[in-house]
Each structure stands twice: as C-alpha cells, then as structure tokens.
Amino acid sequence: MSDKDDISQKTLAVHGGEPRTYPYDALAAPITQTATYSFADTAELIAYFEGRKDREEYGRYGNPSVRLVEEKVAALEGTEDAVAFASGMAAVTSTILALVKSGSHVILFADCYRRTRQFVTTFLGRFDVSHTLIPPADVGALKKAIVPETRLVIAEAPTNPYQTIPDLEELVAICKKKKIKTLIDSTFATPVNCNPARYGIDLVIHSATKYLAGHNDVLGGVLAGSAGMVSLVRDLRSLLGATLDPHAAYLIHRGIKTLALRIEQQNATAQAMAERLEQHPRVRQVWYPGLASHPNHDTARRLMSGFGGVVTFELDADLEGTSRFVDACRIPRIAPSLGGVESLIEQPALMSYFELSTEEREAIGIKNNLVRLAVGIEDTDELIADVLAALGATR
C-alpha cells in the first residue's frame, strides 16, 4: 500500500509499506533480532551474490525490521525508496558524503541545524569540499551562490528555531537547471505536513528520533528519495556502519502508526498556542508558520498542509526572567528535543548555545529571551493555561 494519491496519510501511517501478513499470522511487525543470516546451501549463496535471490546476508547490510521502517517512510513521502540510520545525524552525514567528492562545492542555508552546519563548514574542508552559507529562505542568494563546482544544496523546511521556509518550488527550478542535487531536512514538517519530493526535491531526511517515533525513547534517522540515489547512500551506510538497530526500528515503526493522529493534535495545539502568545503583553514576538505575521506564512500555506508542533517566541524579559518563565511551566519538561508526546520547552541561549557569550549568540540570532516550545499531545486548553500562567514569573 503506497499510492499516496489515493490513500490518506492516516491510513498510510498504519498500513503503508507493510505486507498483508507476517510470519505466524502475527498482526504486529516482528523484531528480527539477528546480526547474521544463514544460507540453506552453496547454491543459495551463489544465487544471492549473482543477484538472483533477494534476501539478507549480514546485519550491517540490512534487516527486515529496519526495512519495514524504510518502506513505510517511502510510502508516506511518496518516494521510490528510503534508507534508515542509527541517528538523524548519521543520515545527514552519510548522505552528504555519498554526494560530494574532493573539489565539490556545497550551498547551505545558514539556519540549518547547527550540527549539520558544523559538519559542512568544518569537517568537509578536510577533504577539499568548499561551502557557501546563504541567508535563511533567501532563494535569490542561492542563485548567486552557485558555482561550476556546486553539487549539493542543503536546506531545512521549517528550520530551527525561527521556522523559516524556503520556496521549494523555486529552489528546485534553480537547481534542476544547473543539475544540482537538493537535500531537505523535513524533520519539523513530517511527511504529514509536507512532502518535499512532490515539489521535485531529490532527497528528504528525517530525524526519526523526533516526530516519526514520537515518544522520546529511541534514536534513528531516515533518508527518502529515488531508488538510485537511496541505493548509493545505502551502500555507504554499509561501509560506514551507521545501521539502525532492529529493536530501535521496531519502536520507530510502531511510533509511525500514530504519526498522523499525533501531528493533527500537535498542529492544532501549536496554532492555538501561537495565536494566544502573539496577543500576550509579555511576549514581544512569535515565530510560527501558521501565523500571518510569520515572514514565510504565504509559502507555508502553499507548501504545507499543517504548520507543525513547534512555537518559538521572544519574551519581554532578560535572561534570568526568561529562565523564571521556563521554570514556572508545570506541564512542559525542560529538554532539548521535540516531536514526542510530551511537551518540551527550552531557552536556546542556555540549552544549545550555552558555550557562547551573549554577544556571540546574538550575532547568530539567538537572544537571551528566546524560548522554543515543542508541544506534545496534552490537552490544548490545559497546556495554554499553564504557559500563560507561567508568563507571570517574568515580571
């Protein structure tokens, strides 16, 4: 079951990419907890290596439990194939390494995940891979940054924490003309809210740790795209060894079953939260793609069916006042991640950028009074009431 044009995301989340039956007539997907696989005889071994028999050989190269995750994500994204990794960053780094070589040039939107930026701007330079950082969502700057050696453009939609959204259709038009590959980290959007491949994006990455698994209990990453490009990256995964564990795959696969339902709730809660916060006198500004005030709202409305579960806002407070607000929240937990059933809250200046000075943080747009709230699936009214009550602690 994989035809996205005829089947809803809710049904695909439950049944997409799965066989009708499992061994022993089990309804739940089995965990194939094995590191190696045996062959019945030499003839089967030869048939496998000659490509006449499709089966697994060794755990680093593939696993049925992992394959189920790959098939389901491909069904949700509407792509030919997908490949799973031990973490989201393993998916990002392996994909980039598979697509560039010495002398290549990479273009990266400056507000991409800081670890992705770190990999591109520091690590790749060791192998004579150059890069250009361009302003958030600035597709015009992308066109100017392209050089003959450009092989890859990396973006996120939406980004963290300000949730900028580049115009994917315009981005694709520019890159296709120059035969440049495009890679989008779509973790914040999820396959429920946006399918970048529909707009021509070559490769789509998810940190499965976040919304796909949805319960803050497992690490994983997935890359989706054409069969040829995914095969290229899968071969490198086998070499680098960043293979997803079978039990982790089982947890991700089970989590995806409720993905559409969770995202529906998180979309609604985040939209309501953003609207209330935007009207509050203790809040200076709110960044949420579902608000008309967001600079990329029109683009989000055109590309996305929902606006996600993360709300970022700036308080009318200093560093300490913002910390008092965060501490006063009773429902959200203080934690650096997002996408799970529990609401999580953080002060980016102290969580992700603690090692930088105030001046260094502000130079990259991270203010002391900035808050990121990743809503869970708690009652919408109760969560909003809790956050609004905590705002009194900023005085």
Protein backbone atom coordinates (compact mmCIF):
# COMPACT_ATOMS: atom_id res chain seq x y z
CA MET A 1 0.00 0.00 0.00
CA SER A 2 1.92 3.04 -1.22
CA ASP A 3 -0.15 5.11 -3.68
CA LYS A 4 -0.25 8.50 -1.92
CA ASP A 5 -2.64 9.99 -4.45
CA ASP A 6 -5.41 7.59 -3.41
CA ILE A 7 -4.69 6.86 0.25
CA SER A 8 -4.72 9.27 3.20
CA GLN A 9 -1.74 9.86 5.45
CA LYS A 10 -3.67 8.38 8.38
CA THR A 11 -4.12 5.09 6.54
CA LEU A 12 -0.57 5.11 5.13
CA ALA A 13 0.85 5.64 8.61
CA VAL A 14 -0.83 2.44 9.75
CA HIS A 15 -0.57 0.24 6.65
CA GLY A 16 1.86 1.87 4.21
CA GLY A 17 4.86 -0.18 3.14
CA GLU A 18 3.72 -3.28 5.04
CA PRO A 19 2.93 -6.82 3.85
CA ARG A 20 -0.61 -8.05 4.35
CA THR A 21 0.55 -10.77 6.74
CA TYR A 22 3.59 -11.51 8.91
CA PRO A 23 5.11 -14.89 9.86
CA TYR A 24 2.94 -16.97 12.19
CA ASP A 25 -0.04 -14.75 11.27
CA ALA A 26 1.15 -12.09 13.72
CA LEU A 27 -0.60 -8.73 13.44
CA ALA A 28 2.30 -6.71 14.88
CA ALA A 29 5.57 -6.45 12.96
CA PRO A 30 8.17 -8.90 14.31
CA ILE A 31 11.61 -7.86 15.58
CA THR A 32 14.26 -9.72 13.60
CA GLN A 33 16.90 -9.64 16.31
CA THR A 34 19.85 -11.11 14.46
CA ALA A 35 23.30 -9.97 13.39
CA THR A 36 23.81 -12.56 10.68
CA TYR A 37 21.80 -14.80 8.36
CA SER A 38 22.45 -18.37 7.25
CA PHE A 39 22.20 -19.90 3.77
CA ALA A 40 20.50 -23.22 3.08
CA ASP A 41 23.32 -24.36 0.81
CA THR A 42 26.06 -23.16 -1.53
CA ALA A 43 23.61 -22.84 -4.42
CA GLU A 44 21.57 -20.28 -2.46
CA LEU A 45 24.73 -18.41 -1.54
CA ILE A 46 25.80 -18.18 -5.18
CA ALA A 47 22.29 -17.17 -6.27
CA TYR A 48 22.36 -14.33 -3.74
CA PHE A 49 25.71 -12.94 -4.86
CA GLU A 50 24.71 -13.24 -8.52
CA GLY A 51 21.61 -11.18 -7.78
CA ARG A 52 19.15 -13.97 -8.49
CA LYS A 53 17.87 -14.18 -4.91
CA ASP A 54 16.70 -11.23 -2.83
CA ARG A 55 17.50 -11.84 0.83
CA GLU A 56 19.63 -10.56 3.72
CA GLU A 57 23.26 -11.53 4.26
CA TYR A 58 24.60 -9.63 7.29
CA GLY A 59 23.12 -7.22 9.81
CA ARG A 60 25.15 -4.21 8.75
CA TYR A 61 23.78 -4.50 5.21
CA GLY A 62 20.11 -4.91 6.08
CA ASN A 63 17.44 -6.25 8.41
CA PRO A 64 13.73 -7.00 7.87
CA SER A 65 12.69 -4.83 10.85
CA VAL A 66 14.73 -1.93 9.51
CA ARG A 67 13.34 -2.50 6.03
CA LEU A 68 9.80 -2.07 7.34
CA VAL A 69 10.67 1.43 8.56
CA GLU A 70 12.22 2.26 5.21
CA GLU A 71 9.21 1.04 3.26
CA LYS A 72 6.77 2.95 5.47
CA VAL A 73 8.66 6.25 5.24
CA ALA A 74 8.94 5.87 1.45
CA ALA A 75 5.18 5.31 1.31
CA LEU A 76 4.49 8.39 3.44
CA GLU A 77 6.89 10.59 1.45
CA GLY A 78 5.77 9.25 -1.91
CA THR A 79 9.31 8.28 -2.93
CA GLU A 80 10.68 5.16 -4.57
CA ASP A 81 12.80 4.09 -1.61
CA ALA A 82 14.23 5.04 1.78
CA VAL A 83 17.18 4.00 3.94
CA ALA A 84 17.33 4.10 7.74
CA PHE A 85 20.24 5.03 10.00
CA ALA A 86 21.23 4.85 13.66
CA SER A 87 20.51 8.59 14.12
CA GLY A 88 19.37 11.64 12.22
CA MET A 89 22.92 12.97 12.05
CA ALA A 90 24.12 9.63 10.68
CA ALA A 91 21.60 10.06 7.87
CA VAL A 92 22.74 13.64 7.22
CA THR A 93 26.49 13.00 7.24
CA SER A 94 26.30 9.75 5.27
CA THR A 95 24.13 11.34 2.59
CA ILE A 96 26.40 14.35 2.18
CA LEU A 97 29.50 12.14 1.99
CA ALA A 98 27.83 10.00 -0.66
CA LEU A 99 27.09 13.01 -2.87
CA VAL A 100 30.29 15.07 -2.73
CA LYS A 101 33.94 14.50 -3.53
CA SER A 102 37.17 16.48 -3.35
CA GLY A 103 36.70 19.76 -5.20
CA SER A 104 32.93 19.84 -4.75
CA HIS A 105 31.06 22.91 -3.54
CA VAL A 106 28.07 22.77 -1.18
CA ILE A 107 25.48 25.50 -0.53
CA LEU A 108 23.85 25.52 2.88
CA PHE A 109 21.12 27.77 4.24
CA ALA A 110 22.63 29.44 7.29
CA ASP A 111 19.82 28.49 9.68
CA CYS A 112 20.10 24.75 9.14
CA TYR A 113 20.66 22.59 12.21
CA ARG A 114 23.88 23.66 13.92
CA ARG A 115 25.44 20.19 13.77
CA THR A 116 24.74 19.98 10.03
CA ARG A 117 26.38 23.39 9.64
CA GLN A 118 29.32 22.23 11.73
CA PHE A 119 29.81 19.16 9.54
CA VAL A 120 29.70 21.17 6.31
CA THR A 121 31.72 24.17 7.47
CA THR A 122 34.47 22.39 9.44
CA PHE A 123 34.68 18.67 8.67
CA LEU A 124 34.20 18.69 4.88
CA GLY A 125 37.01 21.21 4.47
CA ARG A 126 39.47 18.46 5.39
CA PHE A 127 38.58 16.79 2.09
CA ASP A 128 38.74 19.93 -0.05
CA VAL A 129 34.96 20.38 -0.16
CA SER A 130 34.10 24.09 -0.08
CA HIS A 131 30.84 25.67 1.00
CA THR A 132 28.78 28.83 0.93
CA LEU A 133 26.30 29.83 3.64
CA ILE A 134 23.30 31.81 2.41
CA PRO A 135 20.68 33.75 4.40
CA PRO A 136 17.55 31.94 5.66
CA ALA A 137 14.93 31.23 2.97
CA ASP A 138 16.78 33.50 0.52
CA VAL A 139 16.41 31.64 -2.77
CA GLY A 140 17.74 34.68 -4.62
CA ALA A 141 21.01 34.32 -2.72
CA LEU A 142 21.06 30.66 -3.72
CA LYS A 143 21.11 31.55 -7.39
CA LYS A 144 24.05 33.91 -6.84
CA ALA A 145 25.99 31.37 -4.73
CA ILE A 146 26.08 28.66 -7.42
CA VAL A 147 29.48 27.99 -9.00
CA PRO A 148 30.51 25.35 -11.55
CA GLU A 149 31.65 23.05 -8.73
CA THR A 150 28.33 23.20 -6.83
CA ARG A 151 27.00 19.66 -6.37
CA LEU A 152 24.56 19.92 -3.49
CA VAL A 153 22.15 22.38 -1.85
CA ILE A 154 21.12 21.65 1.74
CA ALA A 155 18.07 23.23 3.37
CA GLU A 156 15.51 22.64 6.09
CA ALA A 157 11.81 23.38 6.00
CA PRO A 158 10.88 24.59 8.55
CA THR A 159 14.14 25.50 10.29
CA ASN A 160 15.02 25.67 13.97
CA PRO A 161 14.21 27.84 15.86
CA TYR A 162 12.67 30.58 13.66
CA GLN A 163 10.95 28.13 11.28
CA THR A 164 11.85 29.79 8.03
CA ILE A 165 10.65 28.01 4.91
CA PRO A 166 12.38 28.50 1.56
CA ASP A 167 10.23 28.34 -1.55
CA LEU A 168 10.90 24.72 -2.51
CA GLU A 169 9.42 25.06 -5.99
CA GLU A 170 11.68 27.99 -6.83
CA LEU A 171 14.65 26.25 -5.22
CA VAL A 172 14.08 23.12 -7.32
CA ALA A 173 13.68 25.13 -10.53
CA ILE A 174 17.07 26.77 -9.96
CA CYS A 175 18.88 23.56 -9.04
CA LYS A 176 17.37 21.35 -11.75
CA LYS A 177 18.52 23.81 -14.39
CA LYS A 178 22.08 23.53 -13.07
CA LYS A 179 21.82 19.75 -12.39
CA ILE A 180 22.48 20.28 -8.68
CA LYS A 181 21.10 17.80 -6.15
CA THR A 182 18.79 19.05 -3.41
CA LEU A 183 18.61 17.74 0.15
CA ILE A 184 15.90 18.85 2.59
CA ASP A 185 15.74 18.08 6.29
CA SER A 186 11.99 17.81 6.80
CA THR A 187 12.02 16.72 10.43
CA PHE A 188 9.93 19.69 11.65
CA ALA A 189 7.34 19.27 8.88
CA THR A 190 6.99 15.46 8.96
CA PRO A 191 5.53 13.59 5.97
CA VAL A 192 2.06 14.51 7.25
CA ASN A 193 2.51 18.27 6.81
CA CYS A 194 4.75 18.37 3.73
CA ASN A 195 6.16 16.05 1.08
CA PRO A 196 9.16 17.84 -0.46
CA ALA A 197 9.59 15.18 -3.16
CA ARG A 198 6.29 16.32 -4.65
CA TYR A 199 7.94 19.65 -5.44
CA GLY A 200 10.96 17.99 -7.03
CA ILE A 201 13.34 17.78 -4.05
CA ASP A 202 15.78 14.92 -4.64
CA LEU A 203 16.34 13.70 -1.09
CA VAL A 204 14.35 14.12 2.12
CA ILE A 205 15.80 13.48 5.59
CA HIS A 206 14.06 12.92 8.91
CA SER A 207 15.44 12.59 12.37
CA ALA A 208 13.21 9.64 13.25
CA THR A 209 14.04 10.36 16.88
CA LYS A 210 11.54 13.20 16.75
CA TYR A 211 8.03 13.01 15.28
CA LEU A 212 8.29 9.70 13.44
CA ALA A 213 8.99 7.64 16.57
CA GLY A 214 7.15 10.20 18.67
CA HIS A 215 7.89 9.00 22.20
CA ASN A 216 11.35 10.35 23.09
CA ASP A 217 12.66 6.81 23.59
CA VAL A 218 14.75 5.93 20.53
CA LEU A 219 17.35 7.35 18.13
CA GLY A 220 17.08 6.97 14.37
CA GLY A 221 17.23 8.71 11.00
CA VAL A 222 15.74 8.09 7.55
CA LEU A 223 16.58 9.30 4.05
CA ALA A 224 13.92 9.08 1.31
CA GLY A 225 14.32 9.60 -2.43
CA SER A 226 14.74 7.90 -5.77
CA ALA A 227 15.80 4.25 -5.84
CA GLY A 228 19.13 5.06 -7.47
CA MET A 229 20.19 7.78 -5.06
CA VAL A 230 19.00 5.87 -2.00
CA SER A 231 20.93 2.81 -3.17
CA LEU A 232 24.07 4.94 -3.41
CA VAL A 233 23.63 6.13 0.17
CA ARG A 234 22.70 2.65 1.42
CA ASP A 235 25.98 1.29 0.05
CA LEU A 236 27.88 3.92 2.02
CA ARG A 237 25.87 3.13 5.15
CA SER A 238 27.06 -0.46 4.87
CA LEU A 239 30.63 0.79 4.67
CA LEU A 240 30.40 3.34 7.49
CA GLY A 241 28.33 1.08 9.74
CA ALA A 242 25.67 3.56 10.87
CA THR A 243 22.96 0.88 10.69
CA LEU A 244 19.71 1.16 12.65
CA ASP A 245 19.28 -1.44 15.40
CA PRO A 246 16.36 -3.89 14.87
CA HIS A 247 14.72 -3.09 18.22
CA ALA A 248 15.05 0.65 17.57
CA ALA A 249 13.49 0.05 14.16
CA TYR A 250 10.57 -1.73 15.82
CA LEU A 251 9.96 1.25 18.12
CA ILE A 252 10.11 3.72 15.21
CA HIS A 253 7.81 1.55 13.10
CA ARG A 254 5.30 1.31 15.94
CA GLY A 255 5.53 5.06 16.57
CA ILE A 256 4.76 5.90 12.95
CA LYS A 257 1.44 4.07 13.26
CA THR A 258 0.06 7.02 15.26
CA LEU A 259 2.05 9.75 13.46
CA ALA A 260 -0.90 11.32 11.61
CA LEU A 261 -3.05 11.41 14.73
CA ARG A 262 -0.29 12.94 16.84
CA ILE A 263 0.56 15.56 14.21
CA GLU A 264 -3.10 16.54 13.87
CA GLN A 265 -3.22 17.25 17.61
CA GLN A 266 0.17 19.00 17.70
CA ASN A 267 -0.70 21.18 14.71
CA ALA A 268 -3.91 22.32 16.39
CA THR A 269 -2.31 22.94 19.78
CA ALA A 270 0.66 24.83 18.35
CA GLN A 271 -1.58 27.05 16.22
CA ALA A 272 -3.78 27.90 19.21
CA MET A 273 -0.73 28.47 21.42
CA ALA A 274 0.92 30.76 18.88
CA GLU A 275 -2.23 32.85 18.48
CA ARG A 276 -2.61 33.29 22.24
CA LEU A 277 1.05 34.12 22.79
CA GLU A 278 1.02 36.70 19.99
CA GLN A 279 -1.65 38.64 21.89
CA HIS A 280 0.07 38.45 25.29
CA PRO A 281 1.67 41.68 26.61
CA ARG A 282 4.70 39.78 27.99
CA VAL A 283 5.55 38.37 24.54
CA ARG A 284 7.43 40.57 22.06
CA GLN A 285 7.25 38.31 19.01
CA VAL A 286 6.13 34.83 17.99
CA TRP A 287 7.53 32.73 15.14
CA TYR A 288 5.12 30.11 13.83
CA PRO A 289 4.42 29.43 10.13
CA GLY A 290 0.69 29.30 10.78
CA LEU A 291 0.62 32.96 11.83
CA ALA A 292 0.04 35.64 9.20
CA SER A 293 2.85 37.60 10.88
CA HIS A 294 5.46 34.97 10.03
CA PRO A 295 7.63 36.16 7.11
CA ASN A 296 7.17 32.86 5.25
CA HIS A 297 3.48 32.37 6.02
CA ASP A 298 2.35 32.53 2.39
CA THR A 299 5.00 30.00 1.35
CA ALA A 300 3.99 27.71 4.23
CA ARG A 301 0.32 27.87 3.23
CA ARG A 302 1.22 26.87 -0.31
CA LEU A 303 3.62 24.04 0.53
CA MET A 304 2.29 22.63 3.80
CA SER A 305 -0.98 21.07 4.92
CA GLY A 306 -0.22 21.84 8.59
CA PHE A 307 2.29 24.07 10.34
CA GLY A 308 3.90 21.78 12.90
CA GLY A 309 4.23 21.47 16.64
CA VAL A 310 6.98 24.00 17.48
CA VAL A 311 6.33 27.57 18.61
CA THR A 312 9.24 29.97 19.13
CA PHE A 313 8.77 33.27 20.93
CA GLU A 314 10.67 36.18 22.43
CA LEU A 315 9.69 37.41 25.88
CA ASP A 316 9.71 40.93 27.25
CA ALA A 317 12.34 39.82 29.77
CA ASP A 318 16.06 39.35 30.30
CA LEU A 319 17.97 36.06 30.56
CA GLU A 320 17.01 35.46 34.18
CA GLY A 321 13.38 36.46 33.68
CA THR A 322 13.09 34.07 30.75
CA SER A 323 14.58 31.29 32.90
CA ARG A 324 11.98 32.00 35.59
CA PHE A 325 9.24 31.58 32.98
CA VAL A 326 10.67 28.27 31.78
CA ASP A 327 10.97 27.01 35.36
CA ALA A 328 7.42 28.09 36.17
CA CYS A 329 5.87 25.92 33.44
CA ARG A 330 4.39 22.82 35.07
CA ILE A 331 3.45 20.69 32.05
CA PRO A 332 6.36 21.09 29.57
CA ARG A 333 9.63 19.41 30.54
CA ILE A 334 12.94 21.23 30.08
CA ALA A 335 14.69 19.24 27.35
CA PRO A 336 16.49 19.82 24.02
CA SER A 337 14.43 17.64 21.69
CA LEU A 338 10.96 17.80 20.12
CA GLY A 339 8.31 15.73 18.41
CA GLY A 340 7.30 13.44 21.26
CA VAL A 341 4.03 13.05 23.12
CA GLU A 342 5.36 15.18 25.99
CA SER A 343 5.63 18.96 25.57
CA LEU A 344 9.23 20.15 25.86
CA ILE A 345 10.49 23.66 26.47
CA GLU A 346 13.94 25.22 26.27
CA GLN A 347 15.78 28.51 26.38
CA PRO A 348 18.12 28.10 23.35
CA ALA A 349 20.67 30.53 24.79
CA LEU A 350 21.23 28.12 27.69
CA MET A 351 20.42 24.76 26.09
CA SER A 352 22.08 24.67 22.68
CA TYR A 353 24.35 27.73 22.81
CA PHE A 354 25.50 27.79 26.45
CA GLU A 355 29.17 27.89 25.49
CA LEU A 356 28.78 31.18 23.59
CA SER A 357 28.75 34.66 25.08
CA THR A 358 25.65 36.85 24.85
CA GLU A 359 27.27 38.83 22.02
CA GLU A 360 28.22 35.67 20.11
CA ARG A 361 24.70 34.28 20.50
CA GLU A 362 23.02 37.46 19.34
CA ALA A 363 25.32 37.57 16.30
CA ILE A 364 23.66 34.37 15.08
CA GLY A 365 20.17 35.40 16.12
CA ILE A 366 19.87 33.61 19.45
CA LYS A 367 18.68 36.11 22.04
CA ASN A 368 18.71 35.55 25.79
CA ASN A 369 14.93 35.92 25.97
CA LEU A 370 14.15 33.40 23.22
CA VAL A 371 12.02 30.34 24.06
CA ARG A 372 11.26 27.25 21.98
CA LEU A 373 8.18 25.26 22.91
CA ALA A 374 7.62 21.88 21.26
CA VAL A 375 4.04 20.93 22.06
CA GLY A 376 3.06 17.36 22.81
CA ILE A 377 -0.37 15.76 22.79
CA GLU A 378 -1.60 17.06 26.15
CA ASP A 379 -4.95 18.83 26.38
CA THR A 380 -4.67 22.05 24.37
CA ASP A 381 -6.51 24.31 26.82
CA GLU A 382 -4.60 22.98 29.83
CA LEU A 383 -1.23 23.46 28.13
CA ILE A 384 -2.07 27.01 27.06
CA ALA A 385 -3.32 27.88 30.54
CA ASP A 386 -0.10 26.54 32.07
CA VAL A 387 2.13 28.57 29.75
CA LEU A 388 0.10 31.76 30.19
CA ALA A 389 0.21 31.38 33.97
CA ALA A 390 4.00 30.92 33.86
CA LEU A 391 4.39 34.21 31.97
CA GLY A 392 3.68 36.00 35.22
CA ALA A 393 7.05 34.76 36.51
CA THR A 394 8.88 37.01 34.04
CA ARG A 395 7.93 40.16 35.99
